[in-house]
Each structure stands twice: as C-alpha cells, then as structure tokens.
Amino acid sequence: MTHLSVEMLAADATEPITSAGHAQLGIAVLAGIAVIVLLITKFKLHAFLSLIIGSLVLGAVAGAPLDKAIASFSSGLGSTVAGTGILIALGAILGKLLADSGGADQIVDTILAKASGRVMPWAMVLIAGIVGLPIFFEVGIVLLIPVVLLVVKRGNFSLMRIGIPALAGLSVMHGLIPPHPGPLAAIDALHANLGVTLALGVVVAIPTAIVAGPLFSRYAARWVDIQPPEKMVPERASGELDKRPGFGITVATVLLPVVMMLAKALVDVVVDDKGTTVQRVFDVVGSPLIALLTAVIVGMFTLGRSAGFTKGRIATTVEKSLAPIAGVLLIVGAGGGFKQTLVDAGVGQMILELSKDWNISTLLLAWLIAVAIRLATGSATVATISAAGLVAPLTADMSTTHTALLVLAVGAGSLFFSHVNDAGFWMVKEYFGMNVGQTLKTWSLMETLISVVGIVCVLLLSLVL
C-alpha cells in the first residue's frame, strides 16, 4: 500500500535498467518473489535480508547490471523510509505518549463500556473509515494500531476480529475515496467529476468495507488465532499515575493530524487558484509529516503533562518508543526497495503493453490492468495512475457517472492481493506479529475481497446509472 510523491512517480518513468523481453521479465518477477517467500518460510531468514536477496535475484534474472539493481533497491528503500518510515516513527512516539499517559486506557475503557462484543468489529470499521478518510494508509495504521491492540487485550477479543475491520476501513478509503493520492490522480487523468466520484465512491465503499471487514473477520479469526505481539501492545499506564487525560482531550489529540490533513483536502477542493497563499499554507499544515509532528508536540502537553509527567519522563517515553519499531522500519524499507527494483526493471510498462489488445468491457479492463500492475509492483498508487492513463482515451463518449465509475474500477483493482512486494504487507505482518502465511490468509485475502467486491459494485452500478 505504498504512497508515492509526484517526484517519485516521475522517477518511475525513467528508462528501465534492463532490456529484457516480456518473457524474461515475467520469469524474473516470479523468481524474485519465490526466493523471498522461500527464504522466509523455509529457511527462516529475516524478512529484511530476504527482501534484499530477492531484489538482487530479480535484477540478475532480468539481466540488469548488478550496480543498477543495487541502486534501484537502495533508492526504493531510501524513499520508503524517508516517506513512510518517518511517519511510523512519529506515530510510534504518539502511541507511546498515548499509552504511558493513560490516554489509550481512557479510550479503550470508554469503547469497551459503550460497545458490546458483537458491536465492536462494526465500531472498528466505522472508526477506521472516518479516520482513514483524509489520511495516508500508513498514518492510519500507526494511529489505530495501539487502540486495536489494547481493545483486543482488554476485551479478550480475537486479534483478527478487531484488526481486520480496522484495516478494511482504512484500505477502502485509500483505494476508492478522494482526497487520497491514487483516486485524485485517476480523477485528473480521466477528467472525472470529483463530487460525483466521491458520492459514488461512498456508495461502493460501504458494502465493500462491511464484507471485507466485520463479515470476513469472522473467518479470518478462525484461520489465524493469535495473540497480539507483546512488544507492540502498549502497556497499561503505571499505577503511580494520580490522573490520566480525559477521553475528550485524548481523542482530540489523536484526531488532530486527521483534522489538519482533512483541512488541506478541503482547501484543495474549494480553492480554484492553486498558487494562492492559503493553498501553500495548507499544503504545509496538512502534510502528513507536519500533521503528525504537531500531534506529537501537542500530545506532550495534552497527554504527558495532563498525566503529571515531568520533562524527563516525557523524554524517556519518546526514547523508549523508537526501539521496538527498528525492525519494522527496516522491513518496510526493504519492501519499498523490492518494489522499486520491479518498477525500474520495466515490469509495470510490460503489463501496460501486454494489456493494450484485450477486448473486454472498459470498466473490467481498467480493473484488470490495475490488478496486474499492483501484483507486479506492489504500489496501489502506481497501479492507479498507470491504469488510468492507459484507459483515458476510452472516456471520450462516457457519461459523467460512468467516468466516475471508471475511476473506482481502477481504484478497486489497485488494492488486489497485497503480497511481499508491498510495504503495507510487511507493516501489517510486523504490527500483528504474524508469519508470512498468516498474513497472506488474512491481510492479503482481505485486500483481494475489497478489490473483487469493489469491482462487482461498480459493474452493478454501471447497469443502473
């Protein structure tokens, strides 16, 4: 579920690092993925090392010079850590402040008091959907994971029963609803109407999130019955605390970055002149880095100071928050490196060229192209933009509603079967303490359900609109 900036997408469009034909590239992709899965599952090699080796195998089989394959991997790792990594770190700090101050306890205790066991999965998908509306998927994960893990531990719930609905709510928003970067880019490429796409996106998102979230979580909980990893579960605040932050101020602190990013999205929609001072100010205020950094600083006062923390205690909390996520950062970064090696080898372009002569429905064609690019590159944003660009000429005679549905078809395809070349796969695996097989049976299958249910809803709407 990796997000790419405009500059990164432009870099992806450079000349491939190999001149291999389609057959050789296809074999290289299969070889690279097979090596990664084999090293992790059979030889129990750490995922960070497996991803490095798999990337080199991919480059070698594709006939790329070793130095260029290494440069592609390093570039992808660096850009992923620079983007996603810093958000994970800031989210971890906010999560630790939330936990140590007793703020997370306050949220969990309130939720458990208000929602029964049967209602909880539905409550989680709703909360995740609202929180995930304006923010990056990765930001949503780091904001919600502490709450998910604490609800699971305190309420004695199945991790999958609570975690899958939360992930489904976030993922559906990411793939189908503007102002996320993928849907916005597709709207621009296809000249779709933003308001119509947003309205139809909500219509598609609701049943999709229900099926892939609360309903699928029943089966996922049977297939993978595990406890949250102890190192990831925020501990209950120390009994030495005389007080803890109130529910209102705690929720406000957690939602602060959401509000800041939503404000930017609203300004993007309302302000026509993109070069105004207001636009530039909100571009800064609503950037994920600034939004999370602000929340961390505010949290030091609203959470830490409210709990009676001294400056030294706050500094210690921040320091302790970073150690547990070191492995997560390396694995997520290596997943980004593998993705970049795929892109630089020309795999995405290969898929585009092979799909040009497919003779099927435009909506289904757009979905299939996005699926193929997603499987090959691991990037939902690259899949969305590439597929939208390919089918853009076909929108000339389309109605406003069908053009919007085309955007949603592309978005649904871009979420299909997240696996080892997606940084989001490794984030979920590490946060939930699963092995590769368990992650495939839960997270990857959930993403596939979102994609399939999404395109079915789009095709049904196309029959009545």
Protein backbone atom coordinates (compact mmCIF):
# COMPACT_ATOMS: atom_id res chain seq x y z
CA MET A 1 0.00 0.00 0.00
CA THR A 2 2.95 2.39 -0.64
CA HIS A 3 2.29 6.07 -1.40
CA LEU A 4 4.44 7.89 -3.92
CA SER A 5 5.07 11.58 -4.39
CA VAL A 6 4.91 13.23 -7.80
CA GLU A 7 8.70 13.27 -7.92
CA MET A 8 8.91 9.54 -7.18
CA LEU A 9 6.34 8.76 -9.86
CA ALA A 10 8.36 10.78 -12.34
CA ALA A 11 11.43 8.78 -11.38
CA ASP A 12 9.50 5.58 -12.04
CA ALA A 13 9.01 6.71 -15.63
CA THR A 14 12.75 6.69 -16.43
CA GLU A 15 14.38 4.18 -18.77
CA PRO A 16 14.34 0.58 -17.47
CA ILE A 17 17.58 -0.77 -16.04
CA THR A 18 17.33 -3.82 -18.31
CA SER A 19 16.45 -4.51 -21.93
CA ALA A 20 14.92 -7.90 -21.16
CA GLY A 21 11.86 -9.04 -23.12
CA HIS A 22 8.47 -9.68 -21.59
CA ALA A 23 9.04 -13.39 -21.03
CA GLN A 24 12.34 -12.82 -19.25
CA LEU A 25 10.82 -10.07 -17.07
CA GLY A 26 7.92 -12.32 -16.14
CA ILE A 27 10.30 -15.10 -15.12
CA ALA A 28 12.40 -12.59 -13.15
CA VAL A 29 9.36 -11.40 -11.19
CA LEU A 30 8.33 -14.96 -10.32
CA ALA A 31 11.91 -15.86 -9.37
CA GLY A 32 12.32 -12.82 -7.12
CA ILE A 33 9.04 -13.38 -5.28
CA ALA A 34 9.68 -17.14 -4.99
CA VAL A 35 13.13 -16.55 -3.44
CA ILE A 36 11.71 -14.13 -0.87
CA VAL A 37 8.89 -16.45 0.17
CA LEU A 38 11.22 -19.50 0.27
CA LEU A 39 13.90 -17.77 2.36
CA ILE A 40 11.37 -16.51 4.90
CA THR A 41 9.19 -19.61 5.18
CA LYS A 42 11.61 -22.49 4.59
CA PHE A 43 14.93 -21.13 5.83
CA LYS A 44 13.52 -18.72 8.44
CA LEU A 45 15.73 -15.91 7.20
CA HIS A 46 14.81 -12.44 8.44
CA ALA A 47 12.47 -10.64 6.04
CA PHE A 48 14.89 -7.69 5.71
CA LEU A 49 17.66 -9.93 4.39
CA SER A 50 15.25 -11.99 2.27
CA LEU A 51 13.95 -8.88 0.52
CA ILE A 52 17.48 -7.73 -0.29
CA ILE A 53 18.41 -11.12 -1.75
CA GLY A 54 15.11 -11.39 -3.65
CA SER A 55 15.67 -7.97 -5.21
CA LEU A 56 19.14 -8.97 -6.38
CA VAL A 57 17.80 -12.24 -7.81
CA LEU A 58 15.11 -10.31 -9.66
CA GLY A 59 17.67 -7.97 -11.17
CA ALA A 60 20.03 -10.79 -12.12
CA VAL A 61 17.36 -12.90 -13.83
CA ALA A 62 16.08 -9.82 -15.65
CA GLY A 63 19.60 -9.21 -16.98
CA ALA A 64 20.08 -5.89 -15.19
CA PRO A 65 23.64 -4.79 -14.32
CA LEU A 66 24.28 -5.52 -10.65
CA ASP A 67 25.20 -1.93 -9.85
CA LYS A 68 21.90 -0.66 -11.30
CA ALA A 69 19.88 -3.29 -9.43
CA ILE A 70 21.59 -2.27 -6.20
CA ALA A 71 20.96 1.42 -6.96
CA SER A 72 17.26 0.74 -7.61
CA PHE A 73 16.88 -1.19 -4.36
CA SER A 74 18.73 1.47 -2.37
CA SER A 75 16.65 4.23 -3.95
CA GLY A 76 13.40 2.45 -3.12
CA LEU A 77 14.50 1.69 0.44
CA GLY A 78 15.60 5.28 0.99
CA SER A 79 12.45 6.86 -0.41
CA THR A 80 10.21 4.48 1.55
CA VAL A 81 11.98 5.14 4.84
CA ALA A 82 12.06 8.86 4.12
CA GLY A 83 8.32 8.88 3.49
CA THR A 84 6.66 6.03 5.36
CA GLY A 85 9.47 5.48 7.87
CA ILE A 86 9.33 8.90 9.45
CA LEU A 87 5.55 8.63 9.75
CA ILE A 88 5.92 5.27 11.50
CA ALA A 89 8.42 6.83 13.92
CA LEU A 90 6.20 9.82 14.70
CA GLY A 91 3.19 7.56 15.08
CA ALA A 92 5.13 5.35 17.47
CA ILE A 93 6.01 8.35 19.63
CA LEU A 94 2.38 9.49 19.71
CA GLY A 95 1.29 5.94 20.50
CA LYS A 96 3.76 5.67 23.39
CA LEU A 97 2.61 9.00 24.83
CA LEU A 98 -0.95 7.77 24.46
CA ALA A 99 -0.15 4.56 26.32
CA ASP A 100 2.14 5.83 29.10
CA SER A 101 -0.11 8.75 29.99
CA GLY A 102 -3.16 6.54 30.37
CA GLY A 103 -4.86 8.16 27.37
CA ALA A 104 -5.08 4.87 25.49
CA ASP A 105 -6.57 3.26 28.60
CA GLN A 106 -9.17 6.00 28.66
CA ILE A 107 -10.15 5.40 25.02
CA VAL A 108 -10.25 1.62 25.39
CA ASP A 109 -12.17 1.67 28.66
CA THR A 110 -14.74 4.05 27.17
CA ILE A 111 -15.14 1.97 23.99
CA LEU A 112 -15.48 -1.26 25.96
CA ALA A 113 -18.08 0.35 28.21
CA LYS A 114 -20.16 1.58 25.26
CA ALA A 115 -19.84 -1.31 22.77
CA SER A 116 -20.63 -4.99 23.29
CA GLY A 117 -18.61 -7.83 21.83
CA ARG A 118 -20.80 -8.20 18.74
CA VAL A 119 -20.80 -4.48 18.01
CA MET A 120 -17.05 -3.99 18.39
CA PRO A 121 -15.96 -5.11 14.86
CA TRP A 122 -18.59 -2.77 13.36
CA ALA A 123 -17.42 0.05 15.59
CA MET A 124 -13.82 -0.51 14.46
CA VAL A 125 -14.61 -0.41 10.74
CA LEU A 126 -16.62 2.79 11.25
CA ILE A 127 -13.86 4.47 13.26
CA ALA A 128 -11.20 3.38 10.76
CA GLY A 129 -13.30 4.63 7.84
CA ILE A 130 -13.75 8.06 9.40
CA VAL A 131 -10.12 8.36 10.48
CA GLY A 132 -8.88 6.99 7.15
CA LEU A 133 -10.87 9.42 5.01
CA PRO A 134 -8.25 12.18 4.69
CA ILE A 135 -5.01 10.43 5.67
CA PHE A 136 -2.43 8.05 4.23
CA PHE A 137 -2.96 4.35 4.91
CA GLU A 138 0.33 4.12 6.80
CA VAL A 139 -0.61 7.06 9.04
CA GLY A 140 -3.95 5.45 9.80
CA ILE A 141 -2.23 2.23 10.81
CA VAL A 142 0.15 3.88 13.25
CA LEU A 143 -2.69 5.90 14.77
CA LEU A 144 -5.12 2.99 15.15
CA ILE A 145 -2.85 0.04 15.96
CA PRO A 146 -2.36 0.98 19.65
CA VAL A 147 -6.13 1.24 20.09
CA VAL A 148 -6.75 -2.04 18.22
CA LEU A 149 -4.19 -3.97 20.25
CA LEU A 150 -5.43 -2.58 23.55
CA VAL A 151 -9.08 -3.34 22.72
CA VAL A 152 -8.04 -6.90 21.85
CA LYS A 153 -6.08 -7.37 25.07
CA ARG A 154 -8.51 -5.68 27.49
CA GLY A 155 -11.68 -7.10 25.96
CA ASN A 156 -10.21 -10.55 25.34
CA PHE A 157 -11.17 -10.35 21.66
CA SER A 158 -9.65 -12.19 18.72
CA LEU A 159 -6.93 -10.05 17.11
CA MET A 160 -8.32 -10.74 13.63
CA ARG A 161 -11.90 -10.00 14.72
CA ILE A 162 -10.92 -6.44 15.67
CA GLY A 163 -7.87 -5.83 13.48
CA ILE A 164 -9.33 -6.86 10.09
CA PRO A 165 -12.28 -4.42 10.28
CA ALA A 166 -9.91 -1.59 11.16
CA LEU A 167 -7.59 -2.44 8.26
CA ALA A 168 -10.54 -2.82 5.88
CA GLY A 169 -11.89 0.62 6.77
CA LEU A 170 -8.51 2.22 6.15
CA SER A 171 -7.80 0.33 2.93
CA VAL A 172 -11.19 1.02 1.32
CA MET A 173 -10.75 4.75 1.93
CA HIS A 174 -7.23 4.61 0.50
CA GLY A 175 -8.21 2.94 -2.76
CA LEU A 176 -11.63 4.40 -3.54
CA ILE A 177 -12.17 7.78 -1.93
CA PRO A 178 -10.53 11.11 -2.77
CA PRO A 179 -8.57 13.02 -1.39
CA HIS A 180 -6.22 10.02 -1.33
CA PRO A 181 -3.48 10.44 -3.95
CA GLY A 182 -4.44 7.47 -6.14
CA PRO A 183 -8.13 8.38 -6.65
CA LEU A 184 -7.23 12.06 -7.10
CA ALA A 185 -4.66 11.19 -9.77
CA ALA A 186 -7.18 8.95 -11.56
CA ILE A 187 -9.84 11.68 -11.43
CA ASP A 188 -7.39 14.08 -13.04
CA ALA A 189 -6.22 11.60 -15.71
CA LEU A 190 -9.77 10.61 -16.66
CA HIS A 191 -11.23 14.13 -16.28
CA ALA A 192 -13.85 12.78 -13.89
CA ASN A 193 -16.10 14.89 -11.69
CA LEU A 194 -14.72 14.95 -8.14
CA GLY A 195 -18.10 15.31 -6.42
CA VAL A 196 -19.74 12.51 -8.41
CA THR A 197 -16.73 10.23 -7.86
CA LEU A 198 -16.75 10.94 -4.13
CA ALA A 199 -20.51 10.24 -3.87
CA LEU A 200 -20.33 7.00 -5.87
CA GLY A 201 -17.15 6.07 -4.02
CA VAL A 202 -19.01 6.17 -0.71
CA VAL A 203 -21.80 4.00 -2.20
CA VAL A 204 -19.21 1.42 -3.27
CA ALA A 205 -17.10 1.73 -0.11
CA ILE A 206 -19.84 0.95 2.41
CA PRO A 207 -20.76 -2.60 1.28
CA THR A 208 -17.13 -3.29 0.39
CA ALA A 209 -15.90 -2.37 3.87
CA ILE A 210 -18.68 -4.40 5.50
CA VAL A 211 -17.89 -7.58 3.53
CA ALA A 212 -14.09 -7.32 3.85
CA GLY A 213 -14.23 -6.07 7.44
CA PRO A 214 -16.71 -7.36 10.04
CA LEU A 215 -18.02 -10.24 7.90
CA PHE A 216 -14.66 -11.58 6.68
CA SER A 217 -13.10 -11.12 10.12
CA ARG A 218 -15.25 -13.99 11.40
CA TYR A 219 -13.45 -16.41 9.10
CA ALA A 220 -10.03 -14.77 9.49
CA ALA A 221 -10.32 -15.23 13.26
CA ARG A 222 -10.85 -18.97 12.76
CA TRP A 223 -7.96 -19.36 10.33
CA VAL A 224 -5.44 -17.30 12.32
CA ASP A 225 -5.91 -17.40 16.07
CA ILE A 226 -3.00 -15.49 17.56
CA GLN A 227 -2.36 -13.05 20.38
CA PRO A 228 -1.03 -9.53 19.79
CA PRO A 229 2.79 -9.39 20.00
CA GLU A 230 3.70 -8.23 23.49
CA LYS A 231 6.34 -5.78 22.22
CA MET A 232 3.69 -3.97 20.17
CA VAL A 233 0.95 -3.80 22.81
CA PRO A 234 1.09 -0.54 24.76
CA GLU A 235 1.29 -1.33 28.44
CA ARG A 236 -1.33 -0.11 30.87
CA ALA A 237 -0.20 3.12 32.42
CA SER A 238 1.71 2.81 35.67
CA GLY A 239 -0.32 2.68 38.86
CA GLU A 240 1.81 5.57 40.15
CA LEU A 241 -0.18 8.00 37.98
CA ASP A 242 -2.55 10.13 40.04
CA LYS A 243 -4.59 11.08 36.98
CA ARG A 244 -4.88 10.45 33.27
CA PRO A 245 -6.07 12.58 30.36
CA GLY A 246 -9.79 12.84 29.77
CA PHE A 247 -11.50 11.00 26.93
CA GLY A 248 -12.29 14.19 25.03
CA ILE A 249 -8.79 15.68 25.06
CA THR A 250 -7.26 12.30 24.23
CA VAL A 251 -9.48 11.75 21.20
CA ALA A 252 -8.89 15.35 20.12
CA THR A 253 -5.14 14.78 20.23
CA VAL A 254 -5.35 11.59 18.19
CA LEU A 255 -7.65 13.23 15.63
CA LEU A 256 -5.58 16.42 15.36
CA PRO A 257 -3.47 15.16 12.41
CA VAL A 258 -6.66 13.85 10.77
CA VAL A 259 -8.28 17.29 11.03
CA MET A 260 -5.16 19.03 9.71
CA MET A 261 -4.95 16.76 6.67
CA LEU A 262 -8.70 17.00 6.07
CA ALA A 263 -8.42 20.80 6.12
CA LYS A 264 -5.80 20.61 3.36
CA ALA A 265 -8.05 18.32 1.31
CA LEU A 266 -10.99 20.70 1.64
CA VAL A 267 -8.87 23.67 0.59
CA ASP A 268 -7.67 21.69 -2.45
CA VAL A 269 -11.29 21.17 -3.47
CA VAL A 270 -12.62 24.67 -2.69
CA VAL A 271 -9.75 26.89 -3.84
CA ASP A 272 -9.55 27.13 -7.62
CA ASP A 273 -6.30 29.08 -7.80
CA LYS A 274 -3.65 26.57 -6.82
CA GLY A 275 -0.93 29.15 -6.29
CA THR A 276 -2.54 31.22 -3.55
CA THR A 277 -1.03 31.83 -0.14
CA VAL A 278 -3.90 29.96 1.52
CA GLN A 279 -3.20 26.92 -0.66
CA ARG A 280 0.51 26.94 0.13
CA VAL A 281 -0.11 27.34 3.86
CA PHE A 282 -2.50 24.39 3.97
CA ASP A 283 -0.15 22.31 1.81
CA VAL A 284 2.34 22.63 4.67
CA VAL A 285 -0.12 22.38 7.56
CA GLY A 286 -1.84 19.35 6.05
CA SER A 287 1.25 17.39 5.06
CA PRO A 288 1.47 14.07 6.97
CA LEU A 289 4.87 14.96 8.41
CA ILE A 290 3.76 18.31 9.85
CA ALA A 291 0.39 16.97 10.98
CA LEU A 292 1.91 14.07 12.94
CA LEU A 293 4.78 16.17 14.27
CA THR A 294 2.26 18.72 15.53
CA ALA A 295 0.21 15.98 17.17
CA VAL A 296 3.33 14.65 18.92
CA ILE A 297 4.26 18.08 20.27
CA VAL A 298 0.69 18.81 21.35
CA GLY A 299 0.48 15.33 22.88
CA MET A 300 3.45 16.06 25.12
CA PHE A 301 1.23 18.65 26.85
CA THR A 302 -2.31 17.27 26.47
CA LEU A 303 -1.26 13.71 27.32
CA GLY A 304 2.09 13.84 29.11
CA ARG A 305 1.61 16.96 31.19
CA SER A 306 -2.03 16.08 31.91
CA ALA A 307 -0.80 12.86 33.46
CA GLY A 308 1.71 14.78 35.57
CA PHE A 309 4.80 13.80 33.54
CA THR A 310 7.98 15.77 34.10
CA LYS A 311 10.13 16.88 31.17
CA GLY A 312 12.47 13.98 31.91
CA ARG A 313 9.63 11.47 31.93
CA ILE A 314 8.37 12.74 28.57
CA ALA A 315 11.90 12.48 27.10
CA THR A 316 12.20 8.91 28.36
CA THR A 317 8.83 7.99 26.85
CA VAL A 318 9.88 9.35 23.46
CA GLU A 319 13.19 7.49 23.60
CA LYS A 320 11.59 4.17 24.51
CA SER A 321 9.02 4.45 21.73
CA LEU A 322 11.57 4.14 18.94
CA ALA A 323 13.41 0.91 19.81
CA PRO A 324 10.53 -1.56 19.14
CA ILE A 325 9.94 -0.25 15.61
CA ALA A 326 13.52 -0.55 14.32
CA GLY A 327 12.83 -3.94 12.73
CA VAL A 328 9.54 -2.73 11.27
CA LEU A 329 11.27 0.25 9.65
CA LEU A 330 13.94 -1.94 8.04
CA ILE A 331 11.44 -4.47 6.70
CA VAL A 332 9.08 -1.82 5.34
CA GLY A 333 12.03 -0.03 3.74
CA ALA A 334 13.29 -3.24 2.13
CA GLY A 335 9.78 -3.89 0.78
CA GLY A 336 9.97 -0.47 -0.86
CA GLY A 337 13.37 -1.38 -2.29
CA PHE A 338 11.99 -4.55 -3.86
CA LYS A 339 9.08 -2.59 -5.31
CA GLN A 340 11.43 -0.02 -6.86
CA THR A 341 13.55 -2.77 -8.41
CA LEU A 342 10.41 -4.14 -10.07
CA VAL A 343 9.42 -0.72 -11.36
CA ASP A 344 12.91 0.17 -12.63
CA ALA A 345 13.17 -3.19 -14.40
CA GLY A 346 10.18 -2.16 -16.51
CA VAL A 347 7.65 -4.62 -15.15
CA GLY A 348 4.84 -2.05 -14.92
CA GLN A 349 5.42 -0.95 -18.51
CA MET A 350 5.44 -4.57 -19.62
CA ILE A 351 1.97 -5.08 -18.13
CA LEU A 352 0.67 -1.95 -19.88
CA GLU A 353 1.98 -3.10 -23.25
CA LEU A 354 0.60 -6.63 -22.93
CA SER A 355 -2.88 -5.39 -22.00
CA LYS A 356 -3.39 -2.99 -24.93
CA ASP A 357 -5.15 -5.55 -27.13
CA TRP A 358 -7.53 -7.01 -24.55
CA ASN A 359 -11.10 -6.92 -25.92
CA ILE A 360 -13.39 -6.60 -22.88
CA SER A 361 -15.59 -4.08 -21.01
CA THR A 362 -13.79 -0.81 -20.30
CA LEU A 363 -14.56 -0.99 -16.57
CA LEU A 364 -13.35 -4.58 -16.30
CA LEU A 365 -10.32 -3.83 -18.49
CA ALA A 366 -9.33 -0.93 -16.22
CA TRP A 367 -9.70 -3.16 -13.16
CA LEU A 368 -7.62 -5.99 -14.68
CA ILE A 369 -4.83 -3.65 -15.75
CA ALA A 370 -4.69 -2.13 -12.27
CA VAL A 371 -4.68 -5.64 -10.76
CA ALA A 372 -1.77 -6.75 -12.94
CA ILE A 373 0.33 -3.66 -12.19
CA ARG A 374 -0.50 -3.91 -8.48
CA LEU A 375 0.61 -7.55 -8.37
CA ALA A 376 3.82 -6.72 -10.21
CA THR A 377 4.87 -3.51 -8.47
CA GLY A 378 3.18 -3.64 -5.07
CA SER A 379 2.16 0.01 -5.36
CA ALA A 380 -1.52 0.94 -5.36
CA THR A 381 -0.70 4.48 -6.48
CA VAL A 382 1.45 3.36 -9.43
CA ALA A 383 -1.26 0.86 -10.43
CA THR A 384 -3.96 3.52 -10.26
CA ILE A 385 -2.09 6.14 -12.26
CA SER A 386 -0.78 3.69 -14.89
CA ALA A 387 -4.17 2.05 -15.47
CA ALA A 388 -5.98 5.38 -15.56
CA GLY A 389 -3.53 6.71 -18.13
CA LEU A 390 -4.00 3.66 -20.34
CA VAL A 391 -7.81 3.78 -20.42
CA ALA A 392 -8.10 7.59 -20.51
CA PRO A 393 -8.72 7.71 -24.31
CA LEU A 394 -11.79 5.48 -23.83
CA THR A 395 -13.66 8.11 -21.76
CA ALA A 396 -14.43 10.39 -24.74
CA ASP A 397 -18.02 9.14 -25.14
CA MET A 398 -18.63 8.25 -21.48
CA SER A 399 -21.19 9.93 -19.26
CA THR A 400 -20.14 11.74 -16.08
CA THR A 401 -21.29 8.87 -13.87
CA HIS A 402 -19.56 6.17 -15.94
CA THR A 403 -16.32 8.15 -15.97
CA ALA A 404 -16.53 8.30 -12.17
CA LEU A 405 -17.17 4.55 -12.09
CA LEU A 406 -14.06 4.05 -14.22
CA VAL A 407 -12.03 5.84 -11.54
CA LEU A 408 -13.49 3.49 -8.92
CA ALA A 409 -12.80 0.41 -11.08
CA VAL A 410 -9.15 1.42 -11.30
CA GLY A 411 -9.03 2.12 -7.56
CA ALA A 412 -10.54 -1.27 -6.72
CA GLY A 413 -8.03 -3.06 -8.95
CA SER A 414 -5.12 -1.24 -7.33
CA LEU A 415 -5.85 -2.97 -3.99
CA PHE A 416 -5.86 -6.57 -5.26
CA PHE A 417 -3.83 -9.15 -3.25
CA SER A 418 -1.16 -7.22 -1.38
CA HIS A 419 1.85 -9.53 -1.01
CA VAL A 420 5.61 -9.48 -0.39
CA ASN A 421 6.38 -6.54 -2.70
CA ASP A 422 4.04 -4.19 -0.82
CA ALA A 423 5.37 -2.25 2.17
CA GLY A 424 1.87 -2.38 3.69
CA PHE A 425 2.11 -6.19 3.77
CA TRP A 426 5.18 -6.01 5.99
CA MET A 427 3.71 -3.30 8.22
CA VAL A 428 0.64 -5.42 8.98
CA LYS A 429 2.73 -8.57 9.42
CA GLU A 430 5.06 -6.97 11.97
CA TYR A 431 2.46 -4.98 13.89
CA PHE A 432 0.20 -8.04 14.30
CA GLY A 433 3.06 -10.49 14.89
CA MET A 434 2.08 -12.86 12.07
CA ASN A 435 4.22 -15.02 9.81
CA VAL A 436 4.08 -14.71 6.02
CA GLY A 437 1.49 -17.48 5.60
CA GLN A 438 -0.83 -15.99 8.20
CA THR A 439 -0.51 -12.53 6.64
CA LEU A 440 -1.43 -13.96 3.23
CA LYS A 441 -4.51 -15.73 4.68
CA THR A 442 -5.77 -12.60 6.43
CA TRP A 443 -4.45 -9.28 5.14
CA SER A 444 -3.82 -10.36 1.53
CA LEU A 445 -7.18 -12.11 1.27
CA MET A 446 -8.92 -9.10 2.83
CA GLU A 447 -7.36 -6.82 0.20
CA THR A 448 -8.49 -9.21 -2.54
CA LEU A 449 -12.04 -9.17 -1.16
CA ILE A 450 -12.03 -5.37 -1.19
CA SER A 451 -10.89 -5.39 -4.81
CA VAL A 452 -13.40 -8.02 -6.00
CA VAL A 453 -16.40 -6.67 -4.07
CA GLY A 454 -15.46 -3.17 -5.23
CA ILE A 455 -15.48 -4.04 -8.94
CA VAL A 456 -18.71 -6.04 -8.56
CA CYS A 457 -20.39 -3.00 -7.00
CA VAL A 458 -19.01 -0.78 -9.78
CA LEU A 459 -20.31 -3.11 -12.50
CA LEU A 460 -23.75 -3.29 -10.83
CA LEU A 461 -23.94 0.49 -10.61
CA SER A 462 -22.97 0.75 -14.29
CA LEU A 463 -26.11 -1.24 -15.15
CA VAL A 464 -28.48 1.17 -13.39
CA LEU A 465 -26.79 4.56 -13.89
